[in-house]
């Protein structure tokens, strides 16, 4: 199964695509959707939606995994993250993908063994797990970690299987 991971952010949304076949994880691609501060938020949302759509059309994943909501003290940031998540979720749903979300601590625990791991630790483990030649950029690494987390959570007998959105 091909799994598209999305780490939502208005200015640097990470994406990562892997293929999971049993215990074998294969890296397909990763990157970041960079939106400069000079670009209006509404235009950023369009660009994120268009890029997610293009990734889906080009690579035909069956599943999208997105980072769950995180606690933020700034209400404006929370609303903006919700908008980015909404665009990605709606785009994936419009193309028939199954959609799952995982809390950041669950992803870090799954990939590094520690729920409080930093971005650098996550990136190094993603590099090792996928056999990459270089550590991916931080947001792309988080997106790949989301995809890896889902692949690992779908193996074997599941007491609490992931629930689709």
N, C-alpha and C. Protein backbone atom coordinates (compact mmCIF):
# COMPACT_ATOMS: atom_id res chain seq x y z
N UNK A 1 0.83 -1.18 0.00
CA UNK A 1 0.00 0.00 0.00
C UNK A 1 0.88 1.24 0.00
N UNK A 2 0.48 2.25 -0.75
CA UNK A 2 1.17 3.53 -0.76
C UNK A 2 0.51 4.44 0.26
N UNK A 3 1.35 5.08 1.09
CA UNK A 3 0.87 5.93 2.16
C UNK A 3 1.48 7.32 2.01
N UNK A 4 0.62 8.33 1.95
CA UNK A 4 1.04 9.72 1.86
C UNK A 4 0.92 10.35 3.24
N UNK A 5 2.03 10.81 3.79
CA UNK A 5 2.02 11.50 5.07
C UNK A 5 2.05 13.01 4.85
N UNK A 6 1.26 13.73 5.65
CA UNK A 6 1.20 15.19 5.55
C UNK A 6 1.42 15.80 6.93
N UNK A 7 2.41 16.67 7.04
CA UNK A 7 2.68 17.44 8.26
C UNK A 7 2.24 18.87 7.97
N UNK A 8 1.03 19.26 8.42
CA UNK A 8 0.45 20.54 8.00
C UNK A 8 1.08 21.77 8.64
N UNK A 9 1.28 22.78 7.82
CA UNK A 9 1.75 24.08 8.26
C UNK A 9 1.51 25.06 7.11
N UNK A 10 1.12 26.28 7.43
CA UNK A 10 0.82 27.25 6.38
C UNK A 10 2.06 27.58 5.56
N UNK A 11 3.20 27.72 6.20
CA UNK A 11 4.41 28.17 5.51
C UNK A 11 5.35 27.05 5.08
N UNK A 12 5.20 25.85 5.66
CA UNK A 12 6.08 24.74 5.28
C UNK A 12 5.39 23.41 5.57
N UNK A 13 4.47 23.03 4.71
CA UNK A 13 3.79 21.75 4.85
C UNK A 13 4.70 20.65 4.33
N UNK A 14 4.95 19.65 5.19
CA UNK A 14 5.78 18.53 4.77
C UNK A 14 4.94 17.43 4.16
N UNK A 15 5.51 16.74 3.19
CA UNK A 15 4.85 15.56 2.63
C UNK A 15 5.88 14.46 2.43
N UNK A 16 5.40 13.23 2.55
CA UNK A 16 6.27 12.08 2.35
C UNK A 16 5.44 10.90 1.88
N UNK A 17 5.94 10.18 0.92
CA UNK A 17 5.22 9.04 0.36
C UNK A 17 6.09 7.80 0.47
N UNK A 18 5.50 6.76 1.04
CA UNK A 18 6.20 5.47 1.14
C UNK A 18 5.29 4.37 0.61
N UNK A 19 5.90 3.23 0.36
CA UNK A 19 5.14 2.03 0.05
C UNK A 19 5.46 1.00 1.11
N UNK A 20 4.42 0.40 1.66
CA UNK A 20 4.58 -0.61 2.70
C UNK A 20 4.10 -1.95 2.15
N UNK A 21 4.97 -2.96 2.23
CA UNK A 21 4.63 -4.33 1.83
C UNK A 21 5.14 -5.24 2.94
N UNK A 22 4.25 -5.65 3.82
CA UNK A 22 4.67 -6.43 4.97
C UNK A 22 5.55 -5.59 5.87
N UNK A 23 6.75 -6.09 6.18
CA UNK A 23 7.69 -5.34 7.00
C UNK A 23 8.59 -4.42 6.18
N UNK A 24 8.49 -4.49 4.87
CA UNK A 24 9.34 -3.70 3.98
C UNK A 24 8.73 -2.31 3.74
N UNK A 25 9.49 -1.26 4.05
CA UNK A 25 9.07 0.11 3.78
C UNK A 25 9.98 0.68 2.70
N UNK A 26 9.39 1.24 1.66
CA UNK A 26 10.15 1.80 0.56
C UNK A 26 9.82 3.28 0.40
N UNK A 27 10.85 4.09 0.40
CA UNK A 27 10.70 5.53 0.20
C UNK A 27 10.38 5.80 -1.26
N UNK A 28 9.38 6.63 -1.51
CA UNK A 28 9.07 7.04 -2.88
C UNK A 28 9.50 8.49 -3.09
N UNK A 29 9.05 9.40 -2.23
CA UNK A 29 9.46 10.79 -2.35
C UNK A 29 9.10 11.54 -1.08
N UNK A 30 9.70 12.71 -0.94
CA UNK A 30 9.37 13.60 0.17
C UNK A 30 9.70 15.03 -0.23
N UNK A 31 9.15 15.98 0.49
CA UNK A 31 9.44 17.38 0.22
C UNK A 31 8.64 18.29 1.13
N UNK A 32 8.77 19.56 0.89
CA UNK A 32 8.06 20.57 1.67
C UNK A 32 7.41 21.57 0.72
N UNK A 33 6.19 21.97 1.06
CA UNK A 33 5.49 23.00 0.30
C UNK A 33 5.78 24.32 1.00
N UNK A 34 6.71 25.08 0.47
CA UNK A 34 7.15 26.33 1.08
C UNK A 34 6.30 27.49 0.57
N UNK A 35 5.77 28.26 1.50
CA UNK A 35 5.00 29.46 1.17
C UNK A 35 5.63 30.64 1.91
N UNK A 36 6.22 31.59 1.18
CA UNK A 36 6.85 32.75 1.83
C UNK A 36 5.83 33.58 2.62
N UNK A 37 6.33 34.33 3.59
CA UNK A 37 5.47 35.17 4.43
C UNK A 37 4.78 36.26 3.61
N UNK A 38 5.28 36.56 2.43
CA UNK A 38 4.67 37.60 1.59
C UNK A 38 3.43 37.11 0.86
N UNK A 39 3.19 35.79 0.85
CA UNK A 39 2.03 35.22 0.17
C UNK A 39 0.84 35.21 1.14
N UNK A 40 -0.31 35.67 0.65
CA UNK A 40 -1.52 35.69 1.47
C UNK A 40 -1.89 34.28 1.92
N UNK A 41 -2.40 34.14 3.14
CA UNK A 41 -2.79 32.81 3.63
C UNK A 41 -3.75 32.07 2.70
N UNK A 42 -4.70 32.78 2.10
CA UNK A 42 -5.64 32.11 1.19
C UNK A 42 -4.92 31.50 -0.01
N UNK A 43 -3.89 32.17 -0.50
CA UNK A 43 -3.12 31.64 -1.64
C UNK A 43 -2.26 30.45 -1.20
N UNK A 44 -1.79 30.51 0.05
CA UNK A 44 -1.03 29.37 0.58
C UNK A 44 -1.90 28.12 0.62
N UNK A 45 -3.15 28.29 1.06
CA UNK A 45 -4.07 27.15 1.15
C UNK A 45 -4.32 26.55 -0.22
N UNK A 46 -4.50 27.41 -1.22
CA UNK A 46 -4.70 26.92 -2.60
C UNK A 46 -3.49 26.12 -3.05
N UNK A 47 -2.30 26.65 -2.80
CA UNK A 47 -1.07 25.98 -3.23
C UNK A 47 -0.92 24.62 -2.54
N UNK A 48 -1.24 24.57 -1.25
CA UNK A 48 -1.16 23.31 -0.51
C UNK A 48 -2.15 22.30 -1.09
N UNK A 49 -3.38 22.73 -1.30
CA UNK A 49 -4.39 21.83 -1.88
C UNK A 49 -4.01 21.34 -3.26
N UNK A 50 -3.50 22.24 -4.08
CA UNK A 50 -3.09 21.86 -5.44
C UNK A 50 -1.93 20.86 -5.42
N UNK A 51 -0.97 21.08 -4.52
CA UNK A 51 0.18 20.16 -4.43
C UNK A 51 -0.25 18.80 -3.94
N UNK A 52 -1.10 18.75 -2.93
CA UNK A 52 -1.61 17.46 -2.43
C UNK A 52 -2.36 16.74 -3.56
N UNK A 53 -3.21 17.47 -4.28
CA UNK A 53 -3.94 16.88 -5.40
C UNK A 53 -2.97 16.32 -6.44
N UNK A 54 -1.95 17.08 -6.80
CA UNK A 54 -0.99 16.63 -7.81
C UNK A 54 -0.24 15.38 -7.34
N UNK A 55 0.13 15.34 -6.06
CA UNK A 55 0.80 14.15 -5.52
C UNK A 55 -0.11 12.92 -5.61
N UNK A 56 -1.37 13.12 -5.29
CA UNK A 56 -2.34 12.00 -5.35
C UNK A 56 -2.50 11.53 -6.79
N UNK A 57 -2.69 12.45 -7.71
CA UNK A 57 -2.90 12.08 -9.11
C UNK A 57 -1.66 11.41 -9.72
N UNK A 58 -0.48 11.89 -9.37
CA UNK A 58 0.74 11.35 -9.95
C UNK A 58 1.13 10.00 -9.36
N UNK A 59 0.93 9.81 -8.04
CA UNK A 59 1.46 8.61 -7.38
C UNK A 59 0.40 7.62 -6.90
N UNK A 60 -0.86 8.00 -6.93
CA UNK A 60 -1.97 7.11 -6.60
C UNK A 60 -1.86 6.41 -5.24
N UNK A 61 -1.61 7.15 -4.15
CA UNK A 61 -1.64 6.48 -2.84
C UNK A 61 -3.07 6.08 -2.50
N UNK A 62 -3.21 5.11 -1.63
CA UNK A 62 -4.54 4.70 -1.18
C UNK A 62 -4.89 5.29 0.17
N UNK A 63 -3.88 5.80 0.86
CA UNK A 63 -4.05 6.28 2.23
C UNK A 63 -3.32 7.60 2.41
N UNK A 64 -3.96 8.53 3.14
CA UNK A 64 -3.28 9.73 3.58
C UNK A 64 -3.30 9.74 5.10
N UNK A 65 -2.16 10.07 5.70
CA UNK A 65 -2.04 10.17 7.15
C UNK A 65 -1.64 11.61 7.45
N UNK A 66 -2.35 12.22 8.39
CA UNK A 66 -2.09 13.62 8.73
C UNK A 66 -1.87 13.75 10.23
N UNK A 67 -1.04 14.71 10.60
CA UNK A 67 -0.78 14.93 12.01
C UNK A 67 -2.05 15.45 12.68
N UNK A 68 -2.37 14.87 13.84
CA UNK A 68 -3.53 15.31 14.61
C UNK A 68 -3.30 16.69 15.18
N UNK A 69 -4.36 17.26 15.71
CA UNK A 69 -4.27 18.60 16.29
C UNK A 69 -3.32 18.60 17.48
N UNK A 70 -2.56 19.66 17.57
CA UNK A 70 -1.61 19.82 18.67
C UNK A 70 -2.07 20.99 19.52
N UNK A 71 -1.66 20.98 20.78
CA UNK A 71 -1.99 22.09 21.68
C UNK A 71 -1.12 23.28 21.34
N UNK A 72 -1.76 24.40 21.08
CA UNK A 72 -1.04 25.65 20.86
C UNK A 72 -1.68 26.73 21.71
N UNK A 73 -0.87 27.64 22.20
CA UNK A 73 -1.39 28.71 23.05
C UNK A 73 -2.01 29.84 22.25
N UNK A 74 -1.63 29.96 20.99
CA UNK A 74 -2.12 31.03 20.15
C UNK A 74 -3.31 30.55 19.32
N UNK A 75 -4.48 31.14 19.56
CA UNK A 75 -5.70 30.74 18.87
C UNK A 75 -5.59 30.92 17.36
N UNK A 76 -4.95 31.98 16.93
CA UNK A 76 -4.81 32.24 15.49
C UNK A 76 -4.02 31.11 14.81
N UNK A 77 -2.95 30.65 15.46
CA UNK A 77 -2.16 29.55 14.91
C UNK A 77 -3.01 28.28 14.85
N UNK A 78 -3.80 28.04 15.88
CA UNK A 78 -4.67 26.86 15.90
C UNK A 78 -5.66 26.88 14.75
N UNK A 79 -6.27 28.04 14.50
CA UNK A 79 -7.22 28.15 13.38
C UNK A 79 -6.52 27.93 12.04
N UNK A 80 -5.34 28.51 11.89
CA UNK A 80 -4.58 28.36 10.64
C UNK A 80 -4.22 26.89 10.40
N UNK A 81 -3.75 26.20 11.44
CA UNK A 81 -3.44 24.77 11.29
C UNK A 81 -4.69 23.98 10.93
N UNK A 82 -5.81 24.35 11.52
CA UNK A 82 -7.08 23.69 11.17
C UNK A 82 -7.45 23.89 9.72
N UNK A 83 -7.21 25.09 9.21
CA UNK A 83 -7.50 25.36 7.79
C UNK A 83 -6.62 24.52 6.88
N UNK A 84 -5.33 24.43 7.20
CA UNK A 84 -4.40 23.64 6.38
C UNK A 84 -4.80 22.17 6.43
N UNK A 85 -5.11 21.67 7.63
CA UNK A 85 -5.56 20.28 7.77
C UNK A 85 -6.83 20.05 6.93
N UNK A 86 -7.74 21.00 7.01
CA UNK A 86 -9.00 20.88 6.27
C UNK A 86 -8.80 20.78 4.78
N UNK A 87 -7.90 21.61 4.25
CA UNK A 87 -7.61 21.57 2.80
C UNK A 87 -7.05 20.21 2.41
N UNK A 88 -6.08 19.73 3.18
CA UNK A 88 -5.45 18.44 2.86
C UNK A 88 -6.45 17.30 2.98
N UNK A 89 -7.24 17.31 4.04
CA UNK A 89 -8.23 16.24 4.26
C UNK A 89 -9.29 16.26 3.16
N UNK A 90 -9.81 17.43 2.84
CA UNK A 90 -10.84 17.53 1.79
C UNK A 90 -10.30 17.09 0.44
N UNK A 91 -9.06 17.45 0.13
CA UNK A 91 -8.45 17.05 -1.14
C UNK A 91 -8.30 15.54 -1.21
N UNK A 92 -7.81 14.94 -0.14
CA UNK A 92 -7.65 13.48 -0.12
C UNK A 92 -9.00 12.77 -0.19
N UNK A 93 -9.98 13.28 0.54
CA UNK A 93 -11.32 12.67 0.53
C UNK A 93 -11.95 12.77 -0.85
N UNK A 94 -11.76 13.90 -1.53
CA UNK A 94 -12.31 14.08 -2.87
C UNK A 94 -11.73 13.09 -3.87
N UNK A 95 -10.55 12.55 -3.57
CA UNK A 95 -9.91 11.59 -4.46
C UNK A 95 -10.02 10.15 -3.94
N UNK A 96 -10.86 9.95 -2.93
CA UNK A 96 -11.18 8.60 -2.47
C UNK A 96 -10.17 7.95 -1.55
N UNK A 97 -9.21 8.70 -1.01
CA UNK A 97 -8.22 8.10 -0.12
C UNK A 97 -8.84 7.82 1.25
N UNK A 98 -8.37 6.77 1.91
CA UNK A 98 -8.67 6.57 3.32
C UNK A 98 -7.77 7.53 4.08
N UNK A 99 -8.31 8.17 5.11
CA UNK A 99 -7.57 9.21 5.83
C UNK A 99 -7.50 8.85 7.31
N UNK A 100 -6.29 8.95 7.86
CA UNK A 100 -6.06 8.65 9.27
C UNK A 100 -5.27 9.80 9.88
N UNK A 101 -5.39 9.96 11.20
CA UNK A 101 -4.58 10.95 11.90
C UNK A 101 -3.95 10.32 13.12
N UNK A 102 -2.77 10.84 13.46
CA UNK A 102 -2.05 10.38 14.64
C UNK A 102 -1.53 11.59 15.41
N UNK A 103 -1.58 11.49 16.72
CA UNK A 103 -1.03 12.54 17.58
C UNK A 103 0.49 12.57 17.41
N UNK A 104 1.09 13.75 17.50
CA UNK A 104 2.55 13.85 17.34
C UNK A 104 3.33 12.92 18.29
N UNK A 105 2.90 12.80 19.54
CA UNK A 105 3.61 11.93 20.48
C UNK A 105 3.55 10.48 20.06
N UNK A 106 2.43 10.05 19.50
CA UNK A 106 2.29 8.66 19.03
C UNK A 106 3.25 8.40 17.86
N UNK A 107 3.37 9.37 16.97
CA UNK A 107 4.26 9.23 15.81
C UNK A 107 5.70 9.13 16.28
N UNK A 108 6.10 10.03 17.18
CA UNK A 108 7.47 10.02 17.69
C UNK A 108 7.77 8.72 18.43
N UNK A 109 6.81 8.25 19.22
CA UNK A 109 6.97 6.99 19.95
C UNK A 109 7.15 5.83 18.97
N UNK A 110 6.35 5.84 17.93
CA UNK A 110 6.38 4.75 16.95
C UNK A 110 7.70 4.71 16.19
N UNK A 111 8.25 5.87 15.86
CA UNK A 111 9.44 5.93 15.01
C UNK A 111 10.74 5.88 15.82
N UNK A 112 10.76 6.57 16.97
CA UNK A 112 12.01 6.67 17.74
C UNK A 112 11.99 5.88 19.04
N UNK A 113 10.81 5.50 19.51
CA UNK A 113 10.70 4.84 20.80
C UNK A 113 10.50 5.82 21.95
N UNK A 114 10.52 7.13 21.64
CA UNK A 114 10.33 8.16 22.67
C UNK A 114 9.31 9.19 22.19
N UNK A 115 8.23 9.35 22.95
CA UNK A 115 7.18 10.30 22.58
C UNK A 115 7.61 11.75 22.61
N UNK A 116 8.69 12.04 23.31
CA UNK A 116 9.18 13.42 23.40
C UNK A 116 10.37 13.70 22.50
N UNK A 117 10.61 12.86 21.52
CA UNK A 117 11.77 13.04 20.64
C UNK A 117 11.67 14.34 19.86
N UNK A 118 12.82 14.92 19.55
CA UNK A 118 12.87 16.14 18.76
C UNK A 118 12.87 15.85 17.27
N UNK A 119 12.70 16.92 16.48
CA UNK A 119 12.66 16.77 15.02
C UNK A 119 13.93 16.12 14.48
N UNK A 120 15.07 16.46 15.08
CA UNK A 120 16.34 15.90 14.60
C UNK A 120 16.39 14.39 14.82
N UNK A 121 15.94 13.94 15.99
CA UNK A 121 15.92 12.49 16.27
C UNK A 121 14.97 11.78 15.31
N UNK A 122 13.80 12.38 15.09
CA UNK A 122 12.83 11.79 14.17
C UNK A 122 13.45 11.68 12.78
N UNK A 123 14.08 12.75 12.33
CA UNK A 123 14.71 12.74 11.00
C UNK A 123 15.76 11.67 10.85
N UNK A 124 16.59 11.49 11.89
CA UNK A 124 17.65 10.47 11.83
C UNK A 124 17.05 9.06 11.77
N UNK A 125 15.99 8.83 12.53
CA UNK A 125 15.36 7.50 12.52
C UNK A 125 14.65 7.24 11.20
N UNK A 126 14.01 8.26 10.64
CA UNK A 126 13.36 8.12 9.33
C UNK A 126 14.42 7.75 8.29
N UNK A 127 15.55 8.45 8.33
CA UNK A 127 16.65 8.15 7.41
C UNK A 127 17.07 6.68 7.53
N UNK A 128 17.23 6.21 8.77
CA UNK A 128 17.66 4.83 9.00
C UNK A 128 16.59 3.82 8.57
N UNK A 129 15.35 4.07 8.93
CA UNK A 129 14.27 3.12 8.62
C UNK A 129 14.02 2.99 7.13
N UNK A 130 14.20 4.08 6.39
CA UNK A 130 13.93 4.06 4.95
C UNK A 130 15.20 3.89 4.11
N UNK A 131 16.37 3.86 4.76
CA UNK A 131 17.62 3.69 4.03
C UNK A 131 17.96 4.88 3.15
N UNK A 132 17.64 6.08 3.62
CA UNK A 132 17.92 7.28 2.84
C UNK A 132 19.40 7.65 2.95
N UNK A 133 19.92 8.33 1.95
CA UNK A 133 21.32 8.74 1.97
C UNK A 133 21.53 9.99 2.81
N UNK A 134 20.47 10.76 3.02
CA UNK A 134 20.57 11.99 3.82
C UNK A 134 19.32 12.14 4.67
N UNK A 135 19.46 12.87 5.76
CA UNK A 135 18.31 13.14 6.62
C UNK A 135 17.38 14.11 5.88
N UNK A 136 16.08 13.79 5.83
CA UNK A 136 15.15 14.68 5.12
C UNK A 136 14.97 16.00 5.87
N UNK A 137 14.53 17.05 5.18
CA UNK A 137 14.23 18.31 5.87
C UNK A 137 13.20 18.05 6.98
N UNK A 138 13.19 18.89 8.02
CA UNK A 138 12.37 18.60 9.21
C UNK A 138 10.89 18.30 8.94
N UNK A 139 10.21 19.13 8.17
CA UNK A 139 8.77 18.90 7.96
C UNK A 139 8.52 17.69 7.06
N UNK A 140 9.38 17.45 6.09
CA UNK A 140 9.27 16.26 5.26
C UNK A 140 9.56 15.01 6.09
N UNK A 141 10.53 15.10 6.99
CA UNK A 141 10.84 13.99 7.89
C UNK A 141 9.65 13.64 8.78
N UNK A 142 8.97 14.67 9.28
CA UNK A 142 7.77 14.42 10.09
C UNK A 142 6.67 13.76 9.26
N UNK A 143 6.52 14.18 8.01
CA UNK A 143 5.51 13.58 7.13
C UNK A 143 5.83 12.11 6.85
N UNK A 144 7.11 11.82 6.60
CA UNK A 144 7.51 10.42 6.40
C UNK A 144 7.29 9.61 7.67
N UNK A 145 7.55 10.23 8.83
CA UNK A 145 7.33 9.55 10.11
C UNK A 145 5.85 9.21 10.29
N UNK A 146 4.97 10.09 9.87
CA UNK A 146 3.53 9.81 9.94
C UNK A 146 3.18 8.58 9.10
N UNK A 147 3.72 8.52 7.89
CA UNK A 147 3.45 7.37 7.01
C UNK A 147 4.02 6.09 7.62
N UNK A 148 5.22 6.15 8.17
CA UNK A 148 5.83 4.98 8.82
C UNK A 148 5.00 4.53 10.00
N UNK A 149 4.56 5.49 10.82
CA UNK A 149 3.74 5.19 11.99
C UNK A 149 2.48 4.42 11.57
N UNK A 150 1.83 4.88 10.51
CA UNK A 150 0.62 4.18 10.06
C UNK A 150 0.94 2.77 9.56
N UNK A 151 2.01 2.64 8.80
CA UNK A 151 2.39 1.31 8.31
C UNK A 151 2.66 0.36 9.47
N UNK A 152 3.33 0.85 10.50
CA UNK A 152 3.62 0.02 11.67
C UNK A 152 2.37 -0.32 12.46
N UNK A 153 1.42 0.60 12.50
CA UNK A 153 0.18 0.37 13.25
C UNK A 153 -0.80 -0.52 12.51
N UNK A 154 -0.55 -0.81 11.26
CA UNK A 154 -1.45 -1.68 10.48
C UNK A 154 -0.94 -3.11 10.39
N UNK A 155 0.18 -3.41 11.03
CA UNK A 155 0.76 -4.75 10.97
C UNK A 155 0.14 -5.64 12.03
N UNK A 156 0.00 -6.91 11.70
CA UNK A 156 -0.42 -7.91 12.68
C UNK A 156 -1.81 -7.70 13.23
N UNK A 157 -2.10 -8.36 14.34
CA UNK A 157 -3.39 -8.27 15.01
C UNK A 157 -3.42 -6.95 15.78
N UNK A 158 -4.51 -6.23 15.64
CA UNK A 158 -4.61 -4.92 16.27
C UNK A 158 -5.69 -4.92 17.34
N UNK A 159 -5.29 -4.57 18.55
CA UNK A 159 -6.26 -4.46 19.63
C UNK A 159 -7.09 -3.19 19.47
N UNK A 160 -6.45 -2.13 19.05
CA UNK A 160 -7.15 -0.85 18.76
C UNK A 160 -6.68 -0.36 17.39
N UNK A 161 -7.34 -0.84 16.33
CA UNK A 161 -6.92 -0.44 14.98
C UNK A 161 -7.15 1.04 14.76
N UNK A 162 -6.33 1.67 13.90
CA UNK A 162 -6.52 3.08 13.61
C UNK A 162 -7.90 3.31 12.97
N UNK A 163 -8.53 4.41 13.34
CA UNK A 163 -9.84 4.72 12.80
C UNK A 163 -9.72 5.78 11.73
N UNK A 164 -10.37 5.55 10.60
CA UNK A 164 -10.29 6.56 9.52
C UNK A 164 -11.10 7.81 9.88
N UNK A 165 -10.67 8.95 9.33
CA UNK A 165 -11.42 10.20 9.51
C UNK A 165 -12.59 10.23 8.56
